[in-house]
Amino acid sequence: MQILDDFLVHYLQRFDKYPFELDLHGKTYTIGEGKPAFRVIVHKDIPKSELLSSTSLSLGEAYMRGDLEIDGDLFTVIRCLLEQMSRFALDREKFNYLLYPSEDKKTQKEEVSSHYDLGNDFYKLWLDPTLSYSCAFFKKDTDTLEEAQKNKVRHILDKLYLAKDMTLLDIGCGWGFLLMEAAKQYGVKGFGCTLSKEQYAMGQERIKKLGLEGRVEIALMDYRDLPATGQRFDRVVSVGMLEHVGRSQYETYMDVVDKVLKNQGLFLLHYIDGRDERNSNPWMRKYIFPGGTLPSLAEIIKLAYMGSFQLLDVESLRRHYSRTLMCWYHNFEKVHTQVAADRGEEFVRMWDLYLCGCAAAFYIGYIDVHQLLFTKGTNNDLPMVRWF
């Protein structure tokens, strides 16, 4: 026991940028210099082999089990640790199966289902009424989450420069709110695709309830099958879906958009991007987003210009996503008891860690989220200024 204690204290001393207290089996240690910002309480030793294999996985699992507790603000703790991400240990060879899984259709369908098919009732508990599960857009400090999500959709639709009876494709359309707003506000004909059975089912209910049959259609299908439908669209949008495509499929993804988008059409791509083009978080890929991969801004723009796309506009919404995630986290806190009764305390702690962790990652700039607006080929008929 003493050997493990000594090693854990020694190991955690590498994270000394922000001082904190470590309570280990009744003994208190101070890591770093200055007034401690928080307190970490360890109830059960974390094996040395696990710490040296993956910092994120070992600490994350310890927190989920309750072997490790936090006395302080969870967001602050994760932010302080993530700012020292370069000191995290990671044995890439050992976790190759998590970092680089297959990216075929069958595997990706299972990966998407594992997250998005947790149940519509689950997401209704803490998302806003639009059921928008992507970065919101806070135009004013006083905006509620629902107002900010509606702002986001309007912001995207304005960028797409829509007109009545245009055709709009939404790749990875979720529960379909964006398509339905486009149909109601602009009179477009919308088509969306998703791999989530739960999202598909609710999408059908929403279309019927709003009387949008014939104006909006949602299909349960892989984006790679879109060209085979023979449909061509005036506009294409994709929000928060590229993260599930996988690095080996980015070129295929851009090629699919090229094939289904009409010449001079507009394509808006909204996605989370990383910096180093490496998969480095086994905990996230094991428990939250299996197969999730964050492309860099540079590699997507490069792929676009290898094809027929021309970039019109780039916008970062990084701070908006950090705020969005904290709204989700606070909503989720309010339903802890209900979720724990259905899914267990470990699930609740896992989702706390996920939502707070992502909020912190955006806050410190470890990850970003961008909206890229492209034309297919040259389009000289658009306004010469940012019309949106």
Protein backbone atom coordinates (compact mmCIF):
# COMPACT_ATOMS: atom_id res chain seq x y z
CA MET A 1 0.00 0.00 0.00
CA GLN A 2 2.75 2.45 0.97
CA ILE A 3 4.58 1.88 -2.32
CA LEU A 4 1.47 2.65 -4.33
CA ASP A 5 0.76 5.71 -2.17
CA ASP A 6 4.25 7.03 -2.70
CA PHE A 7 4.07 6.46 -6.45
CA LEU A 8 0.70 8.22 -6.83
CA VAL A 9 1.99 11.27 -4.95
CA HIS A 10 5.13 11.27 -7.08
CA TYR A 11 3.12 10.86 -10.31
CA LEU A 12 0.64 13.63 -9.57
CA GLN A 13 3.44 16.06 -8.80
CA ARG A 14 3.91 16.47 -12.53
CA PHE A 15 0.64 18.43 -12.57
CA ASP A 16 1.95 21.28 -10.42
CA LYS A 17 1.02 24.31 -12.55
CA TYR A 18 -2.01 24.91 -10.34
CA PRO A 19 -1.64 23.97 -6.66
CA PHE A 20 -4.06 21.49 -5.15
CA GLU A 21 -4.38 19.25 -2.12
CA LEU A 22 -4.20 15.49 -2.36
CA ASP A 23 -5.94 13.51 0.36
CA LEU A 24 -4.62 9.96 0.26
CA HIS A 25 -5.65 7.43 2.93
CA GLY A 26 -5.90 10.09 5.61
CA LYS A 27 -2.69 11.90 4.68
CA THR A 28 -2.75 15.32 3.01
CA TYR A 29 -0.15 16.40 0.46
CA THR A 30 0.16 19.72 -1.36
CA ILE A 31 0.98 19.59 -5.07
CA GLY A 32 2.45 22.81 -6.45
CA GLU A 33 3.05 26.08 -4.66
CA GLY A 34 0.50 28.58 -3.39
CA LYS A 35 -3.08 28.40 -2.18
CA PRO A 36 -4.71 25.13 -3.33
CA ALA A 37 -7.43 25.64 -5.94
CA PHE A 38 -9.17 22.35 -5.14
CA ARG A 39 -8.82 19.07 -3.29
CA VAL A 40 -8.52 15.56 -4.72
CA ILE A 41 -9.57 12.73 -2.41
CA VAL A 42 -8.37 9.23 -3.31
CA HIS A 43 -10.27 6.40 -1.62
CA LYS A 44 -8.62 3.55 -3.49
CA ASP A 45 -5.19 3.32 -5.09
CA ILE A 46 -4.88 3.62 -8.84
CA PRO A 47 -2.48 0.95 -10.15
CA LYS A 48 0.87 2.26 -11.36
CA SER A 49 0.52 0.33 -14.63
CA GLU A 50 -2.78 2.09 -15.39
CA LEU A 51 -1.42 5.56 -14.67
CA LEU A 52 1.60 4.98 -16.88
CA SER A 53 -0.54 3.54 -19.69
CA SER A 54 -3.08 6.38 -19.90
CA THR A 55 -3.56 9.29 -17.54
CA SER A 56 -6.96 10.20 -18.96
CA LEU A 57 -8.32 6.64 -18.83
CA SER A 58 -6.99 5.75 -15.37
CA LEU A 59 -8.10 8.98 -13.68
CA GLY A 60 -11.38 9.03 -15.59
CA GLU A 61 -12.28 5.49 -14.57
CA ALA A 62 -11.26 6.15 -10.97
CA TYR A 63 -13.60 9.15 -10.89
CA MET A 64 -16.44 7.14 -12.46
CA ARG A 65 -16.09 4.39 -9.83
CA GLY A 66 -15.95 6.88 -6.98
CA ASP A 67 -12.40 5.81 -6.09
CA LEU A 68 -11.41 9.44 -6.66
CA GLU A 69 -13.51 12.41 -5.59
CA ILE A 70 -13.24 16.15 -6.07
CA ASP A 71 -13.73 18.75 -3.38
CA GLY A 72 -14.19 21.84 -5.53
CA ASP A 73 -15.53 22.83 -8.92
CA LEU A 74 -15.24 19.98 -11.44
CA PHE A 75 -14.81 22.37 -14.39
CA THR A 76 -11.90 24.09 -12.64
CA VAL A 77 -10.19 20.80 -11.82
CA ILE A 78 -10.41 19.52 -15.40
CA ARG A 79 -9.36 22.87 -16.85
CA CYS A 80 -6.25 22.93 -14.66
CA LEU A 81 -5.32 19.39 -15.68
CA LEU A 82 -6.01 19.84 -19.39
CA GLU A 83 -3.73 22.87 -19.50
CA GLN A 84 -0.98 20.34 -18.63
CA MET A 85 -2.06 17.81 -21.24
CA SER A 86 1.51 17.46 -22.50
CA ARG A 87 2.35 15.75 -19.18
CA PHE A 88 -0.30 13.03 -19.63
CA ALA A 89 1.00 9.52 -20.19
CA LEU A 90 -0.30 7.50 -23.12
CA ASP A 91 0.83 4.12 -24.42
CA ARG A 92 -0.49 4.38 -27.98
CA GLU A 93 0.37 0.80 -28.87
CA LYS A 94 -1.60 -0.57 -25.93
CA PHE A 95 -4.69 1.48 -26.81
CA ASN A 96 -4.42 1.20 -30.55
CA TYR A 97 -7.78 -0.63 -30.62
CA LEU A 98 -9.47 2.42 -29.05
CA LEU A 99 -7.56 5.12 -30.88
CA TYR A 100 -7.77 3.55 -34.34
CA PRO A 101 -10.81 1.27 -34.71
CA SER A 102 -12.26 0.19 -38.03
CA GLU A 103 -14.04 2.95 -39.94
CA ASP A 104 -16.28 0.73 -42.05
CA LYS A 105 -20.06 1.24 -42.26
CA LYS A 106 -20.99 -1.49 -39.78
CA THR A 107 -18.60 -0.30 -37.09
CA GLN A 108 -19.55 3.34 -37.46
CA LYS A 109 -23.25 2.53 -37.26
CA GLU A 110 -22.63 0.70 -33.98
CA GLU A 111 -20.53 3.59 -32.67
CA VAL A 112 -23.19 6.18 -33.48
CA SER A 113 -25.90 4.00 -31.94
CA SER A 114 -23.92 3.57 -28.71
CA HIS A 115 -24.18 7.31 -28.03
CA TYR A 116 -27.21 8.69 -29.84
CA ASP A 117 -29.53 5.76 -29.17
CA LEU A 118 -29.32 6.10 -25.40
CA GLY A 119 -32.94 7.17 -25.73
CA ASN A 120 -34.85 10.28 -26.71
CA ASP A 121 -36.24 10.50 -23.17
CA PHE A 122 -32.69 10.71 -21.83
CA TYR A 123 -31.73 13.63 -24.08
CA LYS A 124 -35.03 15.41 -23.40
CA LEU A 125 -34.04 15.59 -19.73
CA TRP A 126 -31.21 18.06 -20.26
CA LEU A 127 -31.15 19.38 -23.83
CA ASP A 128 -33.32 22.37 -24.72
CA PRO A 129 -36.79 21.83 -26.29
CA THR A 130 -35.38 21.97 -29.84
CA LEU A 131 -33.26 18.89 -29.00
CA SER A 132 -30.22 20.54 -30.55
CA TYR A 133 -27.11 18.58 -29.59
CA SER A 134 -24.41 20.85 -30.99
CA CYS A 135 -22.84 24.23 -30.28
CA ALA A 136 -25.34 27.02 -29.62
CA PHE A 137 -24.84 30.67 -30.63
CA PHE A 138 -25.18 33.24 -27.84
CA LYS A 139 -25.90 36.58 -29.46
CA LYS A 140 -26.58 38.21 -26.08
CA ASP A 141 -25.34 37.43 -22.58
CA THR A 142 -28.95 37.01 -21.51
CA ASP A 143 -29.80 34.36 -24.12
CA THR A 144 -31.22 31.14 -22.73
CA LEU A 145 -29.93 27.85 -24.11
CA GLU A 146 -33.07 27.46 -26.22
CA GLU A 147 -32.72 30.98 -27.62
CA ALA A 148 -29.05 30.35 -28.38
CA GLN A 149 -29.84 27.08 -30.18
CA LYS A 150 -32.44 28.83 -32.30
CA ASN A 151 -29.88 31.58 -32.96
CA LYS A 152 -27.45 28.92 -34.19
CA VAL A 153 -29.95 27.47 -36.64
CA ARG A 154 -30.90 30.91 -37.98
CA HIS A 155 -27.20 31.79 -38.27
CA ILE A 156 -26.58 28.68 -40.36
CA LEU A 157 -29.65 29.12 -42.54
CA ASP A 158 -28.76 32.76 -43.19
CA LYS A 159 -25.28 31.72 -44.29
CA LEU A 160 -26.81 29.24 -46.75
CA TYR A 161 -28.56 32.09 -48.62
CA LEU A 162 -31.75 30.09 -49.06
CA ALA A 163 -34.69 30.76 -51.37
CA LYS A 164 -38.13 29.19 -51.69
CA ASP A 165 -38.21 25.67 -53.16
CA MET A 166 -34.46 25.21 -52.96
CA THR A 167 -33.38 21.71 -51.95
CA LEU A 168 -31.37 21.35 -48.75
CA LEU A 169 -29.49 18.26 -47.56
CA ASP A 170 -28.55 17.88 -43.89
CA ILE A 171 -25.90 15.18 -43.39
CA GLY A 172 -26.25 13.86 -39.85
CA CYS A 173 -29.51 15.73 -39.23
CA GLY A 174 -30.12 14.54 -35.66
CA TRP A 175 -33.73 15.06 -34.61
CA GLY A 176 -34.32 17.28 -37.65
CA PHE A 177 -34.87 20.72 -36.10
CA LEU A 178 -32.70 22.59 -38.61
CA LEU A 179 -34.44 21.03 -41.62
CA MET A 180 -37.87 21.79 -40.22
CA GLU A 181 -36.96 25.40 -39.51
CA ALA A 182 -35.60 25.76 -43.04
CA ALA A 183 -38.85 24.39 -44.48
CA LYS A 184 -41.03 26.63 -42.30
CA GLN A 185 -39.02 29.83 -42.58
CA TYR A 186 -37.69 29.61 -46.14
CA GLY A 187 -40.00 27.17 -47.89
CA VAL A 188 -37.17 24.83 -48.89
CA LYS A 189 -37.48 21.10 -49.48
CA GLY A 190 -35.31 19.31 -46.96
CA PHE A 191 -33.73 15.88 -46.85
CA GLY A 192 -31.73 14.56 -43.91
CA CYS A 193 -29.92 11.37 -43.01
CA THR A 194 -28.94 9.84 -39.68
CA LEU A 195 -27.68 6.50 -38.38
CA SER A 196 -29.57 6.82 -35.09
CA LYS A 197 -32.83 4.89 -34.90
CA GLU A 198 -33.98 7.03 -31.98
CA GLN A 199 -33.37 10.28 -33.84
CA TYR A 200 -35.01 8.90 -36.96
CA ALA A 201 -38.14 7.86 -35.05
CA MET A 202 -38.59 11.23 -33.39
CA GLY A 203 -37.83 12.99 -36.67
CA GLN A 204 -40.80 11.23 -38.27
CA GLU A 205 -43.02 12.26 -35.36
CA ARG A 206 -41.93 15.90 -35.64
CA ILE A 207 -42.49 16.03 -39.40
CA LYS A 208 -46.00 14.69 -39.02
CA LYS A 209 -46.84 16.95 -36.07
CA LEU A 210 -45.72 20.05 -38.00
CA GLY A 211 -47.48 18.99 -41.19
CA LEU A 212 -44.24 18.99 -43.15
CA GLU A 213 -44.81 15.75 -45.07
CA GLY A 214 -43.69 16.36 -48.63
CA ARG A 215 -41.41 19.21 -47.51
CA VAL A 216 -39.04 17.38 -45.16
CA GLU A 217 -37.81 13.80 -45.33
CA ILE A 218 -35.44 12.03 -42.95
CA ALA A 219 -33.82 8.73 -43.91
CA LEU A 220 -32.03 6.15 -41.79
CA MET A 221 -28.93 5.77 -43.93
CA ASP A 222 -25.15 6.12 -44.16
CA TYR A 223 -23.98 9.34 -45.81
CA ARG A 224 -21.85 7.26 -48.20
CA ASP A 225 -25.04 5.96 -49.80
CA LEU A 226 -26.33 9.43 -50.71
CA PRO A 227 -24.95 9.57 -54.28
CA ALA A 228 -26.77 6.32 -55.12
CA THR A 229 -30.13 8.02 -54.43
CA GLY A 230 -29.62 10.17 -57.51
CA GLN A 231 -30.65 13.31 -55.63
CA ARG A 232 -28.83 16.61 -56.17
CA PHE A 233 -29.16 19.57 -53.83
CA ASP A 234 -28.85 23.35 -54.02
CA ARG A 235 -27.45 23.49 -50.51
CA VAL A 236 -25.73 21.05 -48.14
CA VAL A 237 -25.26 21.47 -44.40
CA SER A 238 -23.61 19.20 -41.84
CA VAL A 239 -23.52 20.04 -38.14
CA GLY A 240 -21.48 18.00 -35.66
CA MET A 241 -21.30 14.92 -37.87
CA LEU A 242 -17.81 15.07 -39.37
CA GLU A 243 -16.38 14.06 -35.98
CA HIS A 244 -17.84 10.57 -36.53
CA VAL A 245 -16.49 10.05 -40.06
CA GLY A 246 -12.93 8.96 -39.23
CA ARG A 247 -9.69 10.21 -40.71
CA SER A 248 -9.53 7.54 -43.41
CA GLN A 249 -12.95 8.67 -44.66
CA TYR A 250 -12.51 12.46 -44.86
CA GLU A 251 -11.73 12.39 -48.56
CA THR A 252 -14.74 10.12 -49.16
CA TYR A 253 -16.93 12.48 -47.17
CA MET A 254 -15.90 15.53 -49.20
CA ASP A 255 -16.31 13.55 -52.41
CA VAL A 256 -19.87 12.59 -51.41
CA VAL A 257 -20.75 16.25 -50.82
CA ASP A 258 -19.20 17.14 -54.18
CA LYS A 259 -21.33 14.53 -55.94
CA VAL A 260 -24.66 15.52 -54.39
CA LEU A 261 -24.21 19.31 -54.46
CA LYS A 262 -25.18 21.22 -57.59
CA ASN A 263 -22.65 23.47 -59.31
CA GLN A 264 -22.36 26.88 -57.62
CA GLY A 265 -24.20 25.46 -54.60
CA LEU A 266 -23.28 26.30 -51.00
CA PHE A 267 -21.95 23.86 -48.40
CA LEU A 268 -21.80 24.76 -44.71
CA LEU A 269 -19.66 22.47 -42.56
CA HIS A 270 -19.91 22.88 -38.79
CA TYR A 271 -17.58 20.61 -36.81
CA ILE A 272 -15.24 20.28 -33.85
CA ASP A 273 -11.58 20.36 -34.78
CA GLY A 274 -8.38 19.41 -33.05
CA ARG A 275 -4.87 20.75 -33.51
CA ASP A 276 -2.47 17.86 -33.79
CA GLU A 277 -4.39 15.38 -36.00
CA ARG A 278 -3.74 12.62 -33.46
CA ASN A 279 -6.21 10.59 -31.41
CA SER A 280 -5.12 11.03 -27.81
CA ASN A 281 -8.01 10.40 -25.41
CA PRO A 282 -8.75 6.72 -24.77
CA TRP A 283 -11.30 7.56 -22.05
CA MET A 284 -13.46 9.62 -24.41
CA ARG A 285 -13.29 7.00 -27.15
CA LYS A 286 -14.06 4.13 -24.78
CA TYR A 287 -16.98 5.66 -22.91
CA ILE A 288 -18.46 8.58 -24.86
CA PHE A 289 -17.66 8.69 -28.57
CA PRO A 290 -16.22 5.40 -29.85
CA GLY A 291 -14.39 6.16 -33.07
CA GLY A 292 -14.71 9.90 -32.58
CA THR A 293 -11.96 11.76 -34.45
CA LEU A 294 -11.33 15.50 -34.65
CA PRO A 295 -9.93 16.75 -37.96
CA SER A 296 -7.79 19.85 -38.03
CA LEU A 297 -8.89 22.97 -39.86
CA ALA A 298 -5.89 22.64 -42.16
CA GLU A 299 -6.62 19.10 -43.36
CA ILE A 300 -10.26 19.82 -44.18
CA ILE A 301 -9.44 22.96 -46.15
CA LYS A 302 -6.72 21.06 -47.99
CA LEU A 303 -9.17 18.32 -48.94
CA ALA A 304 -11.73 20.88 -50.06
CA TYR A 305 -9.26 22.49 -52.43
CA MET A 306 -8.21 19.12 -53.80
CA GLY A 307 -11.78 18.99 -55.08
CA SER A 308 -14.04 21.67 -56.49
CA PHE A 309 -14.76 23.68 -53.34
CA GLN A 310 -13.89 27.32 -52.73
CA LEU A 311 -13.85 28.70 -49.18
CA LEU A 312 -15.96 31.80 -48.55
CA ASP A 313 -15.94 32.12 -44.78
CA VAL A 314 -14.50 30.65 -41.57
CA GLU A 315 -15.93 31.32 -38.12
CA SER A 316 -14.83 29.97 -34.75
CA LEU A 317 -17.54 29.31 -32.14
CA ARG A 318 -15.17 27.92 -29.51
CA ARG A 319 -16.36 30.02 -26.56
CA HIS A 320 -19.97 29.47 -27.57
CA TYR A 321 -19.46 25.71 -27.27
CA SER A 322 -17.85 25.99 -23.86
CA ARG A 323 -20.89 27.92 -22.65
CA THR A 324 -23.26 25.47 -24.36
CA LEU A 325 -21.66 22.53 -22.59
CA MET A 326 -21.87 24.23 -19.22
CA CYS A 327 -25.58 24.85 -19.84
CA TRP A 328 -25.99 21.15 -20.57
CA TYR A 329 -23.95 20.24 -17.49
CA HIS A 330 -26.07 22.40 -15.20
CA ASN A 331 -29.24 20.96 -16.73
CA PHE A 332 -27.84 17.47 -16.24
CA GLU A 333 -27.02 18.23 -12.58
CA LYS A 334 -30.72 18.93 -11.99
CA VAL A 335 -31.68 15.42 -13.13
CA HIS A 336 -28.85 13.48 -11.43
CA THR A 337 -31.22 11.60 -9.16
CA GLN A 338 -33.51 10.53 -11.99
CA VAL A 339 -30.67 9.44 -14.27
CA ALA A 340 -28.91 7.60 -11.42
CA ALA A 341 -32.11 5.68 -10.67
CA ASP A 342 -32.29 4.55 -14.30
CA ARG A 343 -28.62 4.09 -15.19
CA GLY A 344 -26.57 4.11 -12.01
CA GLU A 345 -24.21 6.52 -10.24
CA GLU A 346 -21.24 5.54 -12.41
CA PHE A 347 -23.10 6.63 -15.55
CA VAL A 348 -23.93 9.98 -13.94
CA ARG A 349 -20.31 10.60 -12.97
CA MET A 350 -19.20 9.59 -16.46
CA TRP A 351 -21.48 12.17 -18.07
CA ASP A 352 -20.49 14.85 -15.58
CA LEU A 353 -16.89 14.23 -16.56
CA TYR A 354 -17.74 14.28 -20.28
CA LEU A 355 -19.76 17.51 -20.24
CA CYS A 356 -17.42 19.41 -17.91
CA GLY A 357 -14.34 18.03 -19.63
CA CYS A 358 -15.45 19.16 -23.07
CA ALA A 359 -16.45 22.59 -21.73
CA ALA A 360 -12.96 22.97 -20.26
CA ALA A 361 -11.26 21.74 -23.44
CA PHE A 362 -13.04 24.39 -25.50
CA TYR A 363 -12.42 27.05 -22.86
CA ILE A 364 -8.64 26.62 -22.91
CA GLY A 365 -8.50 26.24 -26.71
CA TYR A 366 -7.40 22.60 -26.66
CA ILE A 367 -10.17 22.01 -29.20
CA ASP A 368 -12.22 24.39 -31.34
CA VAL A 369 -15.40 24.39 -33.39
CA HIS A 370 -15.65 26.05 -36.79
CA GLN A 371 -18.23 26.81 -39.41
CA LEU A 372 -16.78 26.68 -42.91
CA LEU A 373 -18.80 28.01 -45.83
CA PHE A 374 -17.87 26.73 -49.29
CA THR A 375 -19.15 27.12 -52.82
CA LYS A 376 -18.90 24.31 -55.33
CA GLY A 377 -16.95 25.98 -58.07
CA THR A 378 -17.04 29.71 -58.65
CA ASN A 379 -20.22 31.58 -57.78
CA ASN A 380 -20.32 35.25 -58.78
CA ASP A 381 -24.03 35.65 -58.05
CA LEU A 382 -23.66 35.87 -54.28
CA PRO A 383 -23.39 39.23 -52.47
CA MET A 384 -19.84 40.53 -52.26
CA VAL A 385 -20.10 41.13 -48.51
CA ARG A 386 -20.96 38.88 -45.58
CA TRP A 387 -24.71 38.98 -46.15
CA PHE A 388 -25.39 37.00 -43.01
